[in-house]
Amino acid sequence: MSLNALPPYLLTRMGIEPRGFLGFVNEVRSQLPVLSSFVQDATGSQWLLDAVPDRYQELIRAYELLQYDILLGEQYSLRTGGD
């Protein structure tokens, strides 16, 4: 498991449903338990990051954009309603 997937994993183990960003990370983790310099899917298949099958590209891109927004961007994903 990638380190970035640890917080939602621990919440789930404690019986707390991860929400928001951590909920999305948990969804990514369910499909791609390892997402680092290489990628491993839930079946154990592995690829280098630049050779990941097309079926996972959109999920990875969405995760990258969300992570960027929270860490370096305008944090649009943390806003609610009319903010």
PDB file of N, CA and C in Angstrom:
ATOM      1  N   MET A   1       0.843  -1.178   0.000  1.00  0.00           N
ATOM      2  CA  MET A   1       0.000   0.000   0.000  1.00  0.00           C
ATOM      3  C   MET A   1       0.888   1.240   0.000  1.00  0.00           C
ATOM      4  N   SER A   2       0.493   2.214  -0.789  1.00  0.00           N
ATOM      5  CA  SER A   2       1.218   3.480  -0.814  1.00  0.00           C
ATOM      6  C   SER A   2       0.956   4.252   0.471  1.00  0.00           C
ATOM      7  N   LEU A   3       1.926   5.038   0.875  1.00  0.00           N
ATOM      8  CA  LEU A   3       1.804   5.837   2.095  1.00  0.00           C
ATOM      9  C   LEU A   3       0.622   6.800   2.011  1.00  0.00           C
ATOM     10  N   ASN A   4       0.350   7.344   0.815  1.00  0.00           N
ATOM     11  CA  ASN A   4      -0.766   8.276   0.673  1.00  0.00           C
ATOM     12  C   ASN A   4      -2.116   7.614   0.910  1.00  0.00           C
ATOM     13  N   ALA A   5      -2.196   6.297   0.861  1.00  0.00           N
ATOM     14  CA  ALA A   5      -3.444   5.575   1.087  1.00  0.00           C
ATOM     15  C   ALA A   5      -3.624   5.175   2.550  1.00  0.00           C
ATOM     16  N   LEU A   6      -2.627   5.410   3.365  1.00  0.00           N
ATOM     17  CA  LEU A   6      -2.695   4.980   4.763  1.00  0.00           C
ATOM     18  C   LEU A   6      -3.792   5.679   5.580  1.00  0.00           C
ATOM     19  N   PRO A   7      -3.944   7.011   5.516  1.00  0.00           N
ATOM     20  CA  PRO A   7      -4.985   7.650   6.339  1.00  0.00           C
ATOM     21  C   PRO A   7      -6.398   7.105   6.096  1.00  0.00           C
ATOM     22  N   PRO A   8      -6.870   7.008   4.832  1.00  0.00           N
ATOM     23  CA  PRO A   8      -8.222   6.462   4.678  1.00  0.00           C
ATOM     24  C   PRO A   8      -8.309   4.986   5.053  1.00  0.00           C
ATOM     25  N   TYR A   9      -7.234   4.252   4.864  1.00  0.00           N
ATOM     26  CA  TYR A   9      -7.216   2.841   5.268  1.00  0.00           C
ATOM     27  C   TYR A   9      -7.402   2.728   6.780  1.00  0.00           C
ATOM     28  N   LEU A  10      -6.671   3.547   7.526  1.00  0.00           N
ATOM     29  CA  LEU A  10      -6.777   3.509   8.988  1.00  0.00           C
ATOM     30  C   LEU A  10      -8.167   3.944   9.454  1.00  0.00           C
ATOM     31  N   LEU A  11      -8.727   4.972   8.822  1.00  0.00           N
ATOM     32  CA  LEU A  11     -10.086   5.387   9.176  1.00  0.00           C
ATOM     33  C   LEU A  11     -11.073   4.245   8.959  1.00  0.00           C
ATOM     34  N   THR A  12     -10.952   3.566   7.831  1.00  0.00           N
ATOM     35  CA  THR A  12     -11.833   2.442   7.529  1.00  0.00           C
ATOM     36  C   THR A  12     -11.684   1.343   8.570  1.00  0.00           C
ATOM     37  N   ARG A  13     -10.456   1.055   8.950  1.00  0.00           N
ATOM     38  CA  ARG A  13     -10.212   0.015   9.973  1.00  0.00           C
ATOM     39  C   ARG A  13     -10.811   0.393  11.322  1.00  0.00           C
ATOM     40  N   MET A  14     -10.920   1.707  11.597  1.00  0.00           N
ATOM     41  CA  MET A  14     -11.507   2.173  12.853  1.00  0.00           C
ATOM     42  C   MET A  14     -13.029   2.288  12.764  1.00  0.00           C
ATOM     43  N   GLY A  15     -13.588   1.953  11.588  1.00  0.00           N
ATOM     44  CA  GLY A  15     -15.026   2.021  11.408  1.00  0.00           C
ATOM     45  C   GLY A  15     -15.544   3.391  11.031  1.00  0.00           C
ATOM     46  N   ILE A  16     -14.649   4.269  10.582  1.00  0.00           N
ATOM     47  CA  ILE A  16     -15.023   5.624  10.176  1.00  0.00           C
ATOM     48  C   ILE A  16     -14.929   5.707   8.662  1.00  0.00           C
ATOM     49  N   GLU A  17     -16.016   6.125   8.029  1.00  0.00           N
ATOM     50  CA  GLU A  17     -16.014   6.229   6.571  1.00  0.00           C
ATOM     51  C   GLU A  17     -15.253   7.477   6.133  1.00  0.00           C
ATOM     52  N   PRO A  18     -14.196   7.312   5.351  1.00  0.00           N
ATOM     53  CA  PRO A  18     -13.475   8.488   4.852  1.00  0.00           C
ATOM     54  C   PRO A  18     -14.371   9.296   3.913  1.00  0.00           C
ATOM     55  N   ARG A  19     -14.311  10.607   4.029  1.00  0.00           N
ATOM     56  CA  ARG A  19     -15.133  11.481   3.197  1.00  0.00           C
ATOM     57  C   ARG A  19     -14.241  12.494   2.475  1.00  0.00           C
ATOM     58  N   GLY A  20     -14.820  13.156   1.516  1.00  0.00           N
ATOM     59  CA  GLY A  20     -14.100  14.195   0.785  1.00  0.00           C
ATOM     60  C   GLY A  20     -12.862  13.638   0.105  1.00  0.00           C
ATOM     61  N   PHE A  21     -11.765  14.351   0.256  1.00  0.00           N
ATOM     62  CA  PHE A  21     -10.511  13.948  -0.374  1.00  0.00           C
ATOM     63  C   PHE A  21     -10.094  12.547   0.061  1.00  0.00           C
ATOM     64  N   LEU A  22     -10.192  12.264   1.350  1.00  0.00           N
ATOM     65  CA  LEU A  22      -9.785  10.940   1.834  1.00  0.00           C
ATOM     66  C   LEU A  22     -10.709   9.843   1.303  1.00  0.00           C
ATOM     67  N   GLY A  23     -11.978  10.167   1.078  1.00  0.00           N
ATOM     68  CA  GLY A  23     -12.884   9.210   0.463  1.00  0.00           C
ATOM     69  C   GLY A  23     -12.462   8.889  -0.962  1.00  0.00           C
ATOM     70  N   PHE A  24     -12.039   9.923  -1.690  1.00  0.00           N
ATOM     71  CA  PHE A  24     -11.569   9.700  -3.055  1.00  0.00           C
ATOM     72  C   PHE A  24     -10.269   8.897  -3.052  1.00  0.00           C
ATOM     73  N   VAL A  25      -9.360   9.219  -2.136  1.00  0.00           N
ATOM     74  CA  VAL A  25      -8.107   8.465  -2.028  1.00  0.00           C
ATOM     75  C   VAL A  25      -8.420   6.997  -1.723  1.00  0.00           C
ATOM     76  N   ASN A  26      -9.420   6.751  -0.910  1.00  0.00           N
ATOM     77  CA  ASN A  26      -9.804   5.384  -0.589  1.00  0.00           C
ATOM     78  C   ASN A  26     -10.319   4.650  -1.831  1.00  0.00           C
ATOM     79  N   GLU A  27     -11.050   5.353  -2.681  1.00  0.00           N
ATOM     80  CA  GLU A  27     -11.528   4.765  -3.934  1.00  0.00           C
ATOM     81  C   GLU A  27     -10.350   4.447  -4.851  1.00  0.00           C
ATOM     82  N   VAL A  28      -9.387   5.358  -4.923  1.00  0.00           N
ATOM     83  CA  VAL A  28      -8.180   5.110  -5.723  1.00  0.00           C
ATOM     84  C   VAL A  28      -7.454   3.892  -5.165  1.00  0.00           C
ATOM     85  N   ARG A  29      -7.323   3.830  -3.841  1.00  0.00           N
ATOM     86  CA  ARG A  29      -6.630   2.721  -3.193  1.00  0.00           C
ATOM     87  C   ARG A  29      -7.300   1.378  -3.497  1.00  0.00           C
ATOM     88  N   SER A  30      -8.630   1.380  -3.591  1.00  0.00           N
ATOM     89  CA  SER A  30      -9.323   0.122  -3.864  1.00  0.00           C
ATOM     90  C   SER A  30      -8.994  -0.412  -5.261  1.00  0.00           C
ATOM     91  N   GLN A  31      -8.698   0.489  -6.189  1.00  0.00           N
ATOM     92  CA  GLN A  31      -8.361   0.069  -7.550  1.00  0.00           C
ATOM     93  C   GLN A  31      -6.859  -0.020  -7.779  1.00  0.00           C
ATOM     94  N   LEU A  32      -6.124   0.912  -7.147  1.00  0.00           N
ATOM     95  CA  LEU A  32      -4.665   0.980  -7.318  1.00  0.00           C
ATOM     96  C   LEU A  32      -4.008   1.085  -5.942  1.00  0.00           C
ATOM     97  N   PRO A  33      -3.814  -0.026  -5.259  1.00  0.00           N
ATOM     98  CA  PRO A  33      -3.238   0.015  -3.917  1.00  0.00           C
ATOM     99  C   PRO A  33      -1.855   0.652  -3.849  1.00  0.00           C
ATOM    100  N   VAL A  34      -1.100   0.564  -4.931  1.00  0.00           N
ATOM    101  CA  VAL A  34       0.220   1.199  -4.978  1.00  0.00           C
ATOM    102  C   VAL A  34       0.221   2.199  -6.115  1.00  0.00           C
ATOM    103  N   LEU A  35       0.474   3.461  -5.766  1.00  0.00           N
ATOM    104  CA  LEU A  35       0.535   4.535  -6.747  1.00  0.00           C
ATOM    105  C   LEU A  35       1.720   5.400  -6.366  1.00  0.00           C
ATOM    106  N   SER A  36       2.833   5.115  -6.990  1.00  0.00           N
ATOM    107  CA  SER A  36       4.093   5.777  -6.661  1.00  0.00           C
ATOM    108  C   SER A  36       4.903   5.902  -7.942  1.00  0.00           C
ATOM    109  N   SER A  37       6.180   5.552  -7.911  1.00  0.00           N
ATOM    110  CA  SER A  37       6.982   5.548  -9.129  1.00  0.00           C
ATOM    111  C   SER A  37       6.589   4.374 -10.018  1.00  0.00           C
ATOM    112  N   PHE A  38       5.857   3.430  -9.461  1.00  0.00           N
ATOM    113  CA  PHE A  38       5.219   2.366 -10.227  1.00  0.00           C
ATOM    114  C   PHE A  38       3.789   2.233  -9.705  1.00  0.00           C
ATOM    115  N   VAL A  39       2.962   1.520 -10.444  1.00  0.00           N
ATOM    116  CA  VAL A  39       1.559   1.365 -10.097  1.00  0.00           C
ATOM    117  C   VAL A  39       1.240  -0.115 -10.022  1.00  0.00           C
ATOM    118  N   GLN A  40       0.478  -0.478  -9.006  1.00  0.00           N
ATOM    119  CA  GLN A  40       0.004  -1.856  -8.881  1.00  0.00           C
ATOM    120  C   GLN A  40      -1.497  -1.810  -8.700  1.00  0.00           C
ATOM    121  N   ASP A  41      -2.215  -2.608  -9.505  1.00  0.00           N
ATOM    122  CA  ASP A  41      -3.666  -2.641  -9.347  1.00  0.00           C
ATOM    123  C   ASP A  41      -4.059  -3.706  -8.326  1.00  0.00           C
ATOM    124  N   ALA A  42      -5.354  -3.826  -8.094  1.00  0.00           N
ATOM    125  CA  ALA A  42      -5.861  -4.732  -7.063  1.00  0.00           C
ATOM    126  C   ALA A  42      -5.598  -6.199  -7.373  1.00  0.00           C
ATOM    127  N   THR A  43      -5.313  -6.519  -8.633  1.00  0.00           N
ATOM    128  CA  THR A  43      -5.015  -7.910  -8.998  1.00  0.00           C
ATOM    129  C   THR A  43      -3.542  -8.246  -8.834  1.00  0.00           C
ATOM    130  N   GLY A  44      -2.712  -7.231  -8.563  1.00  0.00           N
ATOM    131  CA  GLY A  44      -1.282  -7.448  -8.402  1.00  0.00           C
ATOM    132  C   GLY A  44      -0.458  -7.116  -9.638  1.00  0.00           C
ATOM    133  N   SER A  45      -1.114  -6.751 -10.744  1.00  0.00           N
ATOM    134  CA  SER A  45      -0.378  -6.358 -11.948  1.00  0.00           C
ATOM    135  C   SER A  45       0.352  -5.048 -11.690  1.00  0.00           C
ATOM    136  N   GLN A  46       1.566  -4.932 -12.213  1.00  0.00           N
ATOM    137  CA  GLN A  46       2.394  -3.750 -11.972  1.00  0.00           C
ATOM    138  C   GLN A  46       2.880  -3.143 -13.277  1.00  0.00           C
ATOM    139  N   TRP A  47       2.991  -1.796 -13.258  1.00  0.00           N
ATOM    140  CA  TRP A  47       3.510  -1.054 -14.400  1.00  0.00           C
ATOM    141  C   TRP A  47       4.337   0.112 -13.906  1.00  0.00           C
ATOM    142  N   LEU A  48       5.267   0.553 -14.734  1.00  0.00           N
ATOM    143  CA  LEU A  48       5.918   1.831 -14.470  1.00  0.00           C
ATOM    144  C   LEU A  48       4.875   2.919 -14.675  1.00  0.00           C
ATOM    145  N   LEU A  49       5.047   4.042 -14.023  1.00  0.00           N
ATOM    146  CA  LEU A  49       4.052   5.097 -14.051  1.00  0.00           C
ATOM    147  C   LEU A  49       3.721   5.558 -15.473  1.00  0.00           C
ATOM    148  N   ASP A  50       4.708   5.563 -16.350  1.00  0.00           N
ATOM    149  CA  ASP A  50       4.453   6.022 -17.722  1.00  0.00           C
ATOM    150  C   ASP A  50       3.890   4.925 -18.627  1.00  0.00           C
ATOM    151  N   ALA A  51       3.613   3.748 -18.081  1.00  0.00           N
ATOM    152  CA  ALA A  51       3.095   2.636 -18.887  1.00  0.00           C
ATOM    153  C   ALA A  51       1.789   2.064 -18.327  1.00  0.00           C
ATOM    154  N   VAL A  52       1.102   2.833 -17.500  1.00  0.00           N
ATOM    155  CA  VAL A  52      -0.149   2.371 -16.900  1.00  0.00           C
ATOM    156  C   VAL A  52      -1.217   2.234 -17.995  1.00  0.00           C
ATOM    157  N   PRO A  53      -1.999   1.169 -17.969  1.00  0.00           N
ATOM    158  CA  PRO A  53      -3.048   0.989 -18.985  1.00  0.00           C
ATOM    159  C   PRO A  53      -4.036   2.162 -19.007  1.00  0.00           C
ATOM    160  N   ASP A  54      -4.613   2.374 -20.175  1.00  0.00           N
ATOM    161  CA  ASP A  54      -5.560   3.471 -20.371  1.00  0.00           C
ATOM    162  C   ASP A  54      -6.710   3.444 -19.384  1.00  0.00           C
ATOM    163  N   ARG A  55      -7.147   2.269 -18.967  1.00  0.00           N
ATOM    164  CA  ARG A  55      -8.312   2.175 -18.074  1.00  0.00           C
ATOM    165  C   ARG A  55      -8.082   2.856 -16.724  1.00  0.00           C
ATOM    166  N   TYR A  56      -6.827   3.095 -16.358  1.00  0.00           N
ATOM    167  CA  TYR A  56      -6.527   3.764 -15.094  1.00  0.00           C
ATOM    168  C   TYR A  56      -6.079   5.211 -15.267  1.00  0.00           C
ATOM    169  N   GLN A  57      -5.853   5.649 -16.486  1.00  0.00           N
ATOM    170  CA  GLN A  57      -5.307   6.987 -16.724  1.00  0.00           C
ATOM    171  C   GLN A  57      -6.204   8.101 -16.183  1.00  0.00           C
ATOM    172  N   GLU A  58      -7.501   8.007 -16.409  1.00  0.00           N
ATOM    173  CA  GLU A  58      -8.414   9.058 -15.949  1.00  0.00           C
ATOM    174  C   GLU A  58      -8.448   9.126 -14.420  1.00  0.00           C
ATOM    175  N   LEU A  59      -8.455   7.984 -13.760  1.00  0.00           N
ATOM    176  CA  LEU A  59      -8.444   7.944 -12.296  1.00  0.00           C
ATOM    177  C   LEU A  59      -7.170   8.577 -11.745  1.00  0.00           C
ATOM    178  N   ILE A  60      -6.037   8.238 -12.327  1.00  0.00           N
ATOM    179  CA  ILE A  60      -4.762   8.801 -11.874  1.00  0.00           C
ATOM    180  C   ILE A  60      -4.721  10.300 -12.109  1.00  0.00           C
ATOM    181  N   ARG A  61      -5.188  10.749 -13.265  1.00  0.00           N
ATOM    182  CA  ARG A  61      -5.191  12.185 -13.577  1.00  0.00           C
ATOM    183  C   ARG A  61      -6.095  12.943 -12.613  1.00  0.00           C
ATOM    184  N   ALA A  62      -7.263  12.406 -12.315  1.00  0.00           N
ATOM    185  CA  ALA A  62      -8.168  13.055 -11.364  1.00  0.00           C
ATOM    186  C   ALA A  62      -7.519  13.147  -9.982  1.00  0.00           C
ATOM    187  N   TYR A  63      -6.842  12.091  -9.569  1.00  0.00           N
ATOM    188  CA  TYR A  63      -6.151  12.094  -8.283  1.00  0.00           C
ATOM    189  C   TYR A  63      -5.036  13.138  -8.269  1.00  0.00           C
ATOM    190  N   GLU A  64      -4.258  13.201  -9.344  1.00  0.00           N
ATOM    191  CA  GLU A  64      -3.174  14.186  -9.430  1.00  0.00           C
ATOM    192  C   GLU A  64      -3.714  15.613  -9.339  1.00  0.00           C
ATOM    193  N   LEU A  65      -4.811  15.899 -10.062  1.00  0.00           N
ATOM    194  CA  LEU A  65      -5.399  17.241 -10.041  1.00  0.00           C
ATOM    195  C   LEU A  65      -5.941  17.595  -8.664  1.00  0.00           C
ATOM    196  N   LEU A  66      -6.613  16.663  -8.033  1.00  0.00           N
ATOM    197  CA  LEU A  66      -7.149  16.901  -6.699  1.00  0.00           C
ATOM    198  C   LEU A  66      -6.030  17.124  -5.686  1.00  0.00           C
ATOM    199  N   GLN A  67      -5.008  16.308  -5.773  1.00  0.00           N
ATOM    200  CA  GLN A  67      -3.863  16.450  -4.872  1.00  0.00           C
ATOM    201  C   GLN A  67      -3.172  17.800  -5.085  1.00  0.00           C
ATOM    202  N   TYR A  68      -2.991  18.195  -6.331  1.00  0.00           N
ATOM    203  CA  TYR A  68      -2.378  19.494  -6.625  1.00  0.00           C
ATOM    204  C   TYR A  68      -3.222  20.625  -6.051  1.00  0.00           C
ATOM    205  N   ASP A  69      -4.526  20.561  -6.275  1.00  0.00           N
ATOM    206  CA  ASP A  69      -5.419  21.606  -5.791  1.00  0.00           C
ATOM    207  C   ASP A  69      -5.294  21.773  -4.284  1.00  0.00           C
ATOM    208  N   ILE A  70      -5.267  20.679  -3.561  1.00  0.00           N
ATOM    209  CA  ILE A  70      -5.199  20.752  -2.097  1.00  0.00           C
ATOM    210  C   ILE A  70      -3.836  21.227  -1.612  1.00  0.00           C
ATOM    211  N   LEU A  71      -2.771  20.732  -2.208  1.00  0.00           N
ATOM    212  CA  LEU A  71      -1.431  21.046  -1.720  1.00  0.00           C
ATOM    213  C   LEU A  71      -0.889  22.379  -2.232  1.00  0.00           C
ATOM    214  N   LEU A  72      -1.113  22.695  -3.504  1.00  0.00           N
ATOM    215  CA  LEU A  72      -0.474  23.866  -4.108  1.00  0.00           C
ATOM    216  C   LEU A  72      -1.438  24.823  -4.778  1.00  0.00           C
ATOM    217  N   GLY A  73      -2.665  24.391  -5.006  1.00  0.00           N
ATOM    218  CA  GLY A  73      -3.615  25.189  -5.770  1.00  0.00           C
ATOM    219  C   GLY A  73      -4.448  26.115  -4.906  1.00  0.00           C
ATOM    220  N   GLU A  74      -5.615  26.433  -5.421  1.00  0.00           N
ATOM    221  CA  GLU A  74      -6.533  27.357  -4.752  1.00  0.00           C
ATOM    222  C   GLU A  74      -7.489  26.648  -3.796  1.00  0.00           C
ATOM    223  N   GLN A  75      -7.345  25.351  -3.649  1.00  0.00           N
ATOM    224  CA  GLN A  75      -8.165  24.531  -2.761  1.00  0.00           C
ATOM    225  C   GLN A  75      -9.652  24.612  -3.093  1.00  0.00           C
ATOM    226  N   TYR A  76      -9.948  24.622  -4.387  1.00  0.00           N
ATOM    227  CA  TYR A  76     -11.338  24.630  -4.842  1.00  0.00           C
ATOM    228  C   TYR A  76     -12.083  23.404  -4.329  1.00  0.00           C
ATOM    229  N   SER A  77     -11.409  22.280  -4.256  1.00  0.00           N
ATOM    230  CA  SER A  77     -12.075  21.047  -3.855  1.00  0.00           C
ATOM    231  C   SER A  77     -12.500  21.030  -2.393  1.00  0.00           C
ATOM    232  N   LEU A  78     -12.005  21.958  -1.609  1.00  0.00           N
ATOM    233  CA  LEU A  78     -12.386  22.023  -0.190  1.00  0.00           C
ATOM    234  C   LEU A  78     -13.546  22.966   0.052  1.00  0.00           C
ATOM    235  N   ARG A  79     -13.929  23.724  -0.966  1.00  0.00           N
ATOM    236  CA  ARG A  79     -15.021  24.703  -0.824  1.00  0.00           C
ATOM    237  C   ARG A  79     -16.373  24.000  -0.906  1.00  0.00           C
ATOM    238  N   THR A  80     -17.331  24.580  -0.222  1.00  0.00           N
ATOM    239  CA  THR A  80     -18.688  24.034  -0.248  1.00  0.00           C
ATOM    240  C   THR A  80     -19.660  25.085  -0.763  1.00  0.00           C
ATOM    241  N   GLY A  81     -20.708  24.639  -1.367  1.00  0.00           N
ATOM    242  CA  GLY A  81     -21.791  25.533  -1.791  1.00  0.00           C
ATOM    243  C   GLY A  81     -21.356  26.685  -2.648  1.00  0.00           C
ATOM    244  N   GLY A  82     -21.712  27.890  -2.221  1.00  0.00           N
ATOM    245  CA  GLY A  82     -21.486  29.103  -3.019  1.00  0.00           C
ATOM    246  C   GLY A  82     -20.158  29.791  -2.783  1.00  0.00           C
ATOM    247  N   ASP A  83     -19.204  29.117  -2.166  1.00  0.00           N
ATOM    248  CA  ASP A  83     -17.894  29.742  -1.911  1.00  0.00           C
ATOM    249  C   ASP A  83     -17.169  30.054  -3.188  1.00  0.00           C
TER     250      ASP A  83
END
